[in-house]
Amino acid sequence: MAQKQEEDDKVRLDKWLWAARFYKTRALAKAAIESGKVHCRGERCKPGKEPRVGDEFQIRAGFDERTVVVKALSSVRGGAPQAQTLYAETEASIAKREAAAAMRKAGSLGVSTDGKPSKKQRRDLFKFRGSSNDQ
């Protein structure tokens, strides 16, 4: 048991992100870290960094950017309820993420992006952007 506790104290960042279910695979977590989508205290991280309880990470995945505080360490991927016990998202991060989602939803204006836009959709896009279609 003592050895298991020591292993959980020293877990790699990519493995923790995978165990906390931010990314589907460790390879995706490692690629995200290397491409600069994960920051600790405003600085880029390396996949081998060992997160500690209380560390704050900014994690970008898709449209969402989350700021999370590490509450527990684990190198084993469990169920979603268990993964949510590993971190706590800050209130500011939740509010910012919800506001961004509302802006994306409001900004769509019902315009579909499947294929070439129709004449009406093009007019709506030009009107939304504030540019004229005279070229």
C-alpha atoms as a PDB file:
ATOM      1  CA  MET A   1       0.000   0.000   0.000  1.00  0.00           C
ATOM      2  CA  ALA A   2       2.849   2.398   0.821  1.00  0.00           C
ATOM      3  CA  GLN A   3       4.371   1.834  -2.604  1.00  0.00           C
ATOM      4  CA  LYS A   4       1.005   2.538  -4.279  1.00  0.00           C
ATOM      5  CA  GLN A   5       0.779   5.827  -2.338  1.00  0.00           C
ATOM      6  CA  GLU A   6       4.290   6.809  -3.480  1.00  0.00           C
ATOM      7  CA  GLU A   7       3.382   6.031  -7.090  1.00  0.00           C
ATOM      8  CA  ASP A   8       0.303   8.258  -6.866  1.00  0.00           C
ATOM      9  CA  ASP A   9       2.439  11.059  -5.397  1.00  0.00           C
ATOM     10  CA  LYS A  10       4.656  10.963  -8.474  1.00  0.00           C
ATOM     11  CA  VAL A  11       2.418  10.916 -11.514  1.00  0.00           C
ATOM     12  CA  ARG A  12       3.204  12.482 -14.876  1.00  0.00           C
ATOM     13  CA  LEU A  13       1.048  15.397 -16.057  1.00  0.00           C
ATOM     14  CA  ASP A  14      -0.053  13.632 -19.251  1.00  0.00           C
ATOM     15  CA  LYS A  15      -1.110  10.599 -17.224  1.00  0.00           C
ATOM     16  CA  TRP A  16      -3.040  12.773 -14.733  1.00  0.00           C
ATOM     17  CA  LEU A  17      -4.859  14.627 -17.531  1.00  0.00           C
ATOM     18  CA  TRP A  18      -5.817  11.266 -19.028  1.00  0.00           C
ATOM     19  CA  ALA A  19      -6.951   9.901 -15.634  1.00  0.00           C
ATOM     20  CA  ALA A  20      -8.986  13.093 -15.007  1.00  0.00           C
ATOM     21  CA  ARG A  21     -10.675  12.541 -18.404  1.00  0.00           C
ATOM     22  CA  PHE A  22      -9.636  15.788 -20.064  1.00  0.00           C
ATOM     23  CA  TYR A  23      -8.297  13.770 -23.027  1.00  0.00           C
ATOM     24  CA  LYS A  24      -9.296  10.327 -24.329  1.00  0.00           C
ATOM     25  CA  THR A  25      -5.767   8.934 -24.573  1.00  0.00           C
ATOM     26  CA  ARG A  26      -2.388   9.658 -23.037  1.00  0.00           C
ATOM     27  CA  ALA A  27      -1.050  10.327 -26.520  1.00  0.00           C
ATOM     28  CA  LEU A  28      -3.647  13.087 -27.025  1.00  0.00           C
ATOM     29  CA  ALA A  29      -2.816  14.517 -23.594  1.00  0.00           C
ATOM     30  CA  LYS A  30       0.904  14.498 -24.421  1.00  0.00           C
ATOM     31  CA  ALA A  31       0.285  16.149 -27.806  1.00  0.00           C
ATOM     32  CA  ALA A  32      -1.861  18.850 -26.173  1.00  0.00           C
ATOM     33  CA  ILE A  33       0.827  19.590 -23.597  1.00  0.00           C
ATOM     34  CA  GLU A  34       3.571  19.740 -26.222  1.00  0.00           C
ATOM     35  CA  SER A  35       1.503  22.053 -28.449  1.00  0.00           C
ATOM     36  CA  GLY A  36       1.033  24.546 -25.598  1.00  0.00           C
ATOM     37  CA  LYS A  37      -2.590  23.881 -24.681  1.00  0.00           C
ATOM     38  CA  VAL A  38      -1.778  23.205 -21.019  1.00  0.00           C
ATOM     39  CA  HIS A  39      -0.233  25.887 -18.803  1.00  0.00           C
ATOM     40  CA  CYS A  40       0.780  25.907 -15.161  1.00  0.00           C
ATOM     41  CA  ARG A  41       1.077  29.358 -13.547  1.00  0.00           C
ATOM     42  CA  GLY A  42       1.005  30.979 -16.988  1.00  0.00           C
ATOM     43  CA  GLU A  43       3.879  28.906 -18.399  1.00  0.00           C
ATOM     44  CA  ARG A  44       3.901  25.986 -20.802  1.00  0.00           C
ATOM     45  CA  CYS A  45       4.413  22.557 -19.269  1.00  0.00           C
ATOM     46  CA  LYS A  46       6.167  19.368 -20.266  1.00  0.00           C
ATOM     47  CA  PRO A  47       4.426  15.967 -20.286  1.00  0.00           C
ATOM     48  CA  GLY A  48       6.769  14.679 -17.565  1.00  0.00           C
ATOM     49  CA  LYS A  49       5.916  17.455 -15.104  1.00  0.00           C
ATOM     50  CA  GLU A  50       4.662  16.096 -11.803  1.00  0.00           C
ATOM     51  CA  PRO A  51       1.496  17.916 -10.729  1.00  0.00           C
ATOM     52  CA  ARG A  52       1.003  18.506  -7.012  1.00  0.00           C
ATOM     53  CA  VAL A  53      -2.171  18.958  -5.025  1.00  0.00           C
ATOM     54  CA  GLY A  54      -3.070  22.654  -5.188  1.00  0.00           C
ATOM     55  CA  ASP A  55      -1.461  23.328  -8.574  1.00  0.00           C
ATOM     56  CA  GLU A  56      -3.557  25.389 -10.986  1.00  0.00           C
ATOM     57  CA  PHE A  57      -3.654  24.463 -14.675  1.00  0.00           C
ATOM     58  CA  GLN A  58      -5.183  26.220 -17.686  1.00  0.00           C
ATOM     59  CA  ILE A  59      -6.365  23.507 -20.080  1.00  0.00           C
ATOM     60  CA  ARG A  60      -7.630  24.228 -23.586  1.00  0.00           C
ATOM     61  CA  ALA A  61      -9.596  21.524 -25.404  1.00  0.00           C
ATOM     62  CA  GLY A  62     -11.656  22.440 -28.425  1.00  0.00           C
ATOM     63  CA  PHE A  63     -13.564  25.672 -27.790  1.00  0.00           C
ATOM     64  CA  ASP A  64     -13.337  25.299 -24.014  1.00  0.00           C
ATOM     65  CA  GLU A  65     -10.619  26.723 -21.812  1.00  0.00           C
ATOM     66  CA  ARG A  66     -10.741  25.574 -18.201  1.00  0.00           C
ATOM     67  CA  THR A  67      -8.814  26.630 -15.153  1.00  0.00           C
ATOM     68  CA  VAL A  68      -8.640  23.731 -12.720  1.00  0.00           C
ATOM     69  CA  VAL A  69      -7.035  23.187  -9.333  1.00  0.00           C
ATOM     70  CA  VAL A  70      -5.606  19.737  -8.608  1.00  0.00           C
ATOM     71  CA  LYS A  71      -7.372  18.154  -5.617  1.00  0.00           C
ATOM     72  CA  ALA A  72      -5.986  14.611  -5.837  1.00  0.00           C
ATOM     73  CA  LEU A  73      -3.504  12.616  -7.892  1.00  0.00           C
ATOM     74  CA  SER A  74      -4.187   9.380  -9.730  1.00  0.00           C
ATOM     75  CA  SER A  75      -2.434   7.411 -12.423  1.00  0.00           C
ATOM     76  CA  VAL A  76      -5.438   5.141 -12.989  1.00  0.00           C
ATOM     77  CA  ARG A  77      -8.308   6.120 -15.251  1.00  0.00           C
ATOM     78  CA  GLY A  78     -11.622   5.480 -13.540  1.00  0.00           C
ATOM     79  CA  GLY A  79     -15.199   6.443 -14.172  1.00  0.00           C
ATOM     80  CA  ALA A  80     -16.328  10.020 -14.759  1.00  0.00           C
ATOM     81  CA  PRO A  81     -17.577  10.552 -11.171  1.00  0.00           C
ATOM     82  CA  GLN A  82     -14.220   9.372  -9.833  1.00  0.00           C
ATOM     83  CA  ALA A  83     -12.330  11.576 -12.324  1.00  0.00           C
ATOM     84  CA  GLN A  84     -14.256  14.675 -11.193  1.00  0.00           C
ATOM     85  CA  THR A  85     -12.892  14.189  -7.665  1.00  0.00           C
ATOM     86  CA  LEU A  86      -9.351  14.757  -8.967  1.00  0.00           C
ATOM     87  CA  TYR A  87      -9.853  18.454  -9.729  1.00  0.00           C
ATOM     88  CA  ALA A  88     -12.011  21.494  -9.043  1.00  0.00           C
ATOM     89  CA  GLU A  89     -12.774  24.039 -11.743  1.00  0.00           C
ATOM     90  CA  THR A  90     -12.597  27.659 -10.578  1.00  0.00           C
ATOM     91  CA  GLU A  91     -15.762  29.773 -10.482  1.00  0.00           C
ATOM     92  CA  ALA A  92     -14.254  32.334 -12.872  1.00  0.00           C
ATOM     93  CA  SER A  93     -13.459  29.572 -15.347  1.00  0.00           C
ATOM     94  CA  ILE A  94     -17.010  28.205 -15.235  1.00  0.00           C
ATOM     95  CA  ALA A  95     -18.513  31.667 -15.786  1.00  0.00           C
ATOM     96  CA  LYS A  96     -16.103  32.430 -18.648  1.00  0.00           C
ATOM     97  CA  ARG A  97     -16.789  29.077 -20.333  1.00  0.00           C
ATOM     98  CA  GLU A  98     -20.574  29.517 -20.078  1.00  0.00           C
ATOM     99  CA  ALA A  99     -20.353  33.061 -21.466  1.00  0.00           C
ATOM    100  CA  ALA A 100     -18.241  31.848 -24.400  1.00  0.00           C
ATOM    101  CA  ALA A 101     -20.738  29.054 -25.113  1.00  0.00           C
ATOM    102  CA  ALA A 102     -23.609  31.570 -25.080  1.00  0.00           C
ATOM    103  CA  MET A 103     -21.691  33.850 -27.484  1.00  0.00           C
ATOM    104  CA  ARG A 104     -21.030  30.946 -29.861  1.00  0.00           C
ATOM    105  CA  LYS A 105     -24.685  29.978 -29.743  1.00  0.00           C
ATOM    106  CA  ALA A 106     -25.877  33.564 -30.325  1.00  0.00           C
ATOM    107  CA  GLY A 107     -23.297  34.172 -33.059  1.00  0.00           C
ATOM    108  CA  SER A 108     -24.416  31.299 -35.212  1.00  0.00           C
ATOM    109  CA  LEU A 109     -27.585  33.147 -36.359  1.00  0.00           C
ATOM    110  CA  GLY A 110     -28.981  29.882 -37.660  1.00  0.00           C
ATOM    111  CA  VAL A 111     -26.535  29.825 -40.571  1.00  0.00           C
ATOM    112  CA  SER A 112     -25.489  26.309 -41.450  1.00  0.00           C
ATOM    113  CA  THR A 113     -21.861  25.730 -42.449  1.00  0.00           C
ATOM    114  CA  ASP A 114     -22.568  22.551 -44.404  1.00  0.00           C
ATOM    115  CA  GLY A 115     -21.424  23.081 -47.971  1.00  0.00           C
ATOM    116  CA  LYS A 116     -21.696  26.252 -50.015  1.00  0.00           C
ATOM    117  CA  PRO A 117     -23.960  28.911 -48.480  1.00  0.00           C
ATOM    118  CA  SER A 118     -27.102  29.931 -50.303  1.00  0.00           C
ATOM    119  CA  LYS A 119     -27.619  33.484 -51.552  1.00  0.00           C
ATOM    120  CA  LYS A 120     -29.725  34.353 -48.485  1.00  0.00           C
ATOM    121  CA  GLN A 121     -27.143  32.863 -46.112  1.00  0.00           C
ATOM    122  CA  ARG A 122     -24.383  34.883 -47.824  1.00  0.00           C
ATOM    123  CA  ARG A 123     -26.403  38.093 -47.402  1.00  0.00           C
ATOM    124  CA  ASP A 124     -26.952  37.279 -43.720  1.00  0.00           C
ATOM    125  CA  LEU A 125     -23.229  36.661 -43.246  1.00  0.00           C
ATOM    126  CA  PHE A 126     -22.308  39.937 -44.943  1.00  0.00           C
ATOM    127  CA  LYS A 127     -24.867  41.785 -42.831  1.00  0.00           C
ATOM    128  CA  PHE A 128     -23.542  40.168 -39.648  1.00  0.00           C
ATOM    129  CA  ARG A 129     -19.921  40.993 -40.468  1.00  0.00           C
ATOM    130  CA  GLY A 130     -20.827  44.557 -41.391  1.00  0.00           C
ATOM    131  CA  SER A 131     -19.147  44.333 -44.754  1.00  0.00           C
ATOM    132  CA  SER A 132     -20.673  44.923 -48.142  1.00  0.00           C
ATOM    133  CA  ASN A 133     -20.787  42.266 -50.794  1.00  0.00           C
ATOM    134  CA  ASP A 134     -19.735  44.710 -53.529  1.00  0.00           C
ATOM    135  CA  GLN A 135     -16.432  43.538 -54.893  1.00  0.00           C
END
